[in-house]
């Protein structure tokens, strides 16, 4: 199931606020499932992707305040 969440997340844009929120939710859910399954490598990748999305979110919020 975690693989499906990750794959689904890839289809959401990082340029649209609501889609970025959903992408983050999917990646966070996948990371939790990988952790429960003991798949450390995939958990790490999901966490990295989540972090990248939060970085995009931060940039989006900075630009919307200008």
C-alpha atoms as a PDB file:
ATOM      1  CA  UNK A   1       0.000   0.000   0.000  1.00  0.00           C
ATOM      2  CA  UNK A   2       2.855   2.411   0.769  1.00  0.00           C
ATOM      3  CA  UNK A   3       4.147   2.016  -2.782  1.00  0.00           C
ATOM      4  CA  UNK A   4       0.716   3.010  -4.083  1.00  0.00           C
ATOM      5  CA  UNK A   5       0.674   6.096  -1.857  1.00  0.00           C
ATOM      6  CA  UNK A   6       4.108   7.143  -3.117  1.00  0.00           C
ATOM      7  CA  UNK A   7       3.161   6.584  -6.747  1.00  0.00           C
ATOM      8  CA  UNK A   8      -0.088   8.506  -6.315  1.00  0.00           C
ATOM      9  CA  UNK A   9       1.807  11.380  -4.717  1.00  0.00           C
ATOM     10  CA  UNK A  10       3.950  11.715  -7.823  1.00  0.00           C
ATOM     11  CA  UNK A  11       0.861  12.781  -9.791  1.00  0.00           C
ATOM     12  CA  UNK A  12       0.151  15.830  -7.634  1.00  0.00           C
ATOM     13  CA  UNK A  13       1.673  19.201  -8.462  1.00  0.00           C
ATOM     14  CA  UNK A  14       4.062  21.113  -6.240  1.00  0.00           C
ATOM     15  CA  UNK A  15       2.793  24.367  -7.751  1.00  0.00           C
ATOM     16  CA  UNK A  16      -0.819  24.171  -6.562  1.00  0.00           C
ATOM     17  CA  UNK A  17      -1.357  24.591  -2.821  1.00  0.00           C
ATOM     18  CA  UNK A  18      -4.132  22.021  -2.362  1.00  0.00           C
ATOM     19  CA  UNK A  19      -2.290  19.445  -4.462  1.00  0.00           C
ATOM     20  CA  UNK A  20       0.928  20.017  -2.534  1.00  0.00           C
ATOM     21  CA  UNK A  21      -0.939  19.455   0.739  1.00  0.00           C
ATOM     22  CA  UNK A  22      -2.292  16.164  -0.585  1.00  0.00           C
ATOM     23  CA  UNK A  23       1.156  15.137  -1.844  1.00  0.00           C
ATOM     24  CA  UNK A  24       2.590  15.744   1.641  1.00  0.00           C
ATOM     25  CA  UNK A  25      -0.229  13.762   3.257  1.00  0.00           C
ATOM     26  CA  UNK A  26       0.352  10.826   0.923  1.00  0.00           C
ATOM     27  CA  UNK A  27       4.115  10.798   1.454  1.00  0.00           C
ATOM     28  CA  UNK A  28       3.743  11.047   5.240  1.00  0.00           C
ATOM     29  CA  UNK A  29       1.286   8.142   5.219  1.00  0.00           C
ATOM     30  CA  UNK A  30       3.640   6.096   3.065  1.00  0.00           C
ATOM     31  CA  UNK A  31       6.568   6.812   5.407  1.00  0.00           C
ATOM     32  CA  UNK A  32       4.533   5.569   8.367  1.00  0.00           C
ATOM     33  CA  UNK A  33       3.553   2.390   6.533  1.00  0.00           C
ATOM     34  CA  UNK A  34       7.143   1.723   5.467  1.00  0.00           C
ATOM     35  CA  UNK A  35       8.220   2.203   9.088  1.00  0.00           C
ATOM     36  CA  UNK A  36       5.615  -0.276  10.322  1.00  0.00           C
ATOM     37  CA  UNK A  37       6.819  -2.772   7.707  1.00  0.00           C
ATOM     38  CA  UNK A  38      10.443  -2.283   8.740  1.00  0.00           C
ATOM     39  CA  UNK A  39      11.448  -1.045   5.279  1.00  0.00           C
ATOM     40  CA  UNK A  40      14.016   1.534   6.359  1.00  0.00           C
ATOM     41  CA  UNK A  41      15.264   2.429   2.868  1.00  0.00           C
ATOM     42  CA  UNK A  42      11.795   3.206   1.532  1.00  0.00           C
ATOM     43  CA  UNK A  43      10.854   5.003   4.744  1.00  0.00           C
ATOM     44  CA  UNK A  44      13.919   7.216   4.314  1.00  0.00           C
ATOM     45  CA  UNK A  45      12.996   7.954   0.697  1.00  0.00           C
ATOM     46  CA  UNK A  46       9.411   8.848   1.682  1.00  0.00           C
ATOM     47  CA  UNK A  47      10.762  11.149   4.406  1.00  0.00           C
ATOM     48  CA  UNK A  48      13.126  12.793   1.907  1.00  0.00           C
ATOM     49  CA  UNK A  49      10.266  13.373  -0.527  1.00  0.00           C
ATOM     50  CA  UNK A  50       8.125  14.780   2.284  1.00  0.00           C
ATOM     51  CA  UNK A  51      10.946  17.150   3.245  1.00  0.00           C
ATOM     52  CA  UNK A  52      11.290  18.280  -0.352  1.00  0.00           C
ATOM     53  CA  UNK A  53       7.569  19.035  -0.414  1.00  0.00           C
ATOM     54  CA  UNK A  54       7.787  21.029   2.814  1.00  0.00           C
ATOM     55  CA  UNK A  55      10.616  23.019   1.231  1.00  0.00           C
ATOM     56  CA  UNK A  56       8.338  23.776  -1.739  1.00  0.00           C
ATOM     57  CA  UNK A  57       5.557  24.705   0.701  1.00  0.00           C
ATOM     58  CA  UNK A  58       7.875  27.114   2.499  1.00  0.00           C
ATOM     59  CA  UNK A  59       8.841  28.753  -0.788  1.00  0.00           C
ATOM     60  CA  UNK A  60       5.202  28.967  -1.816  1.00  0.00           C
ATOM     61  CA  UNK A  61       4.277  30.726   1.414  1.00  0.00           C
ATOM     62  CA  UNK A  62       7.174  33.193   1.075  1.00  0.00           C
ATOM     63  CA  UNK A  63       6.122  34.138  -2.448  1.00  0.00           C
ATOM     64  CA  UNK A  64       2.447  34.489  -1.575  1.00  0.00           C
ATOM     65  CA  UNK A  65       3.301  37.101   1.067  1.00  0.00           C
ATOM     66  CA  UNK A  66       5.060  39.374  -1.407  1.00  0.00           C
END
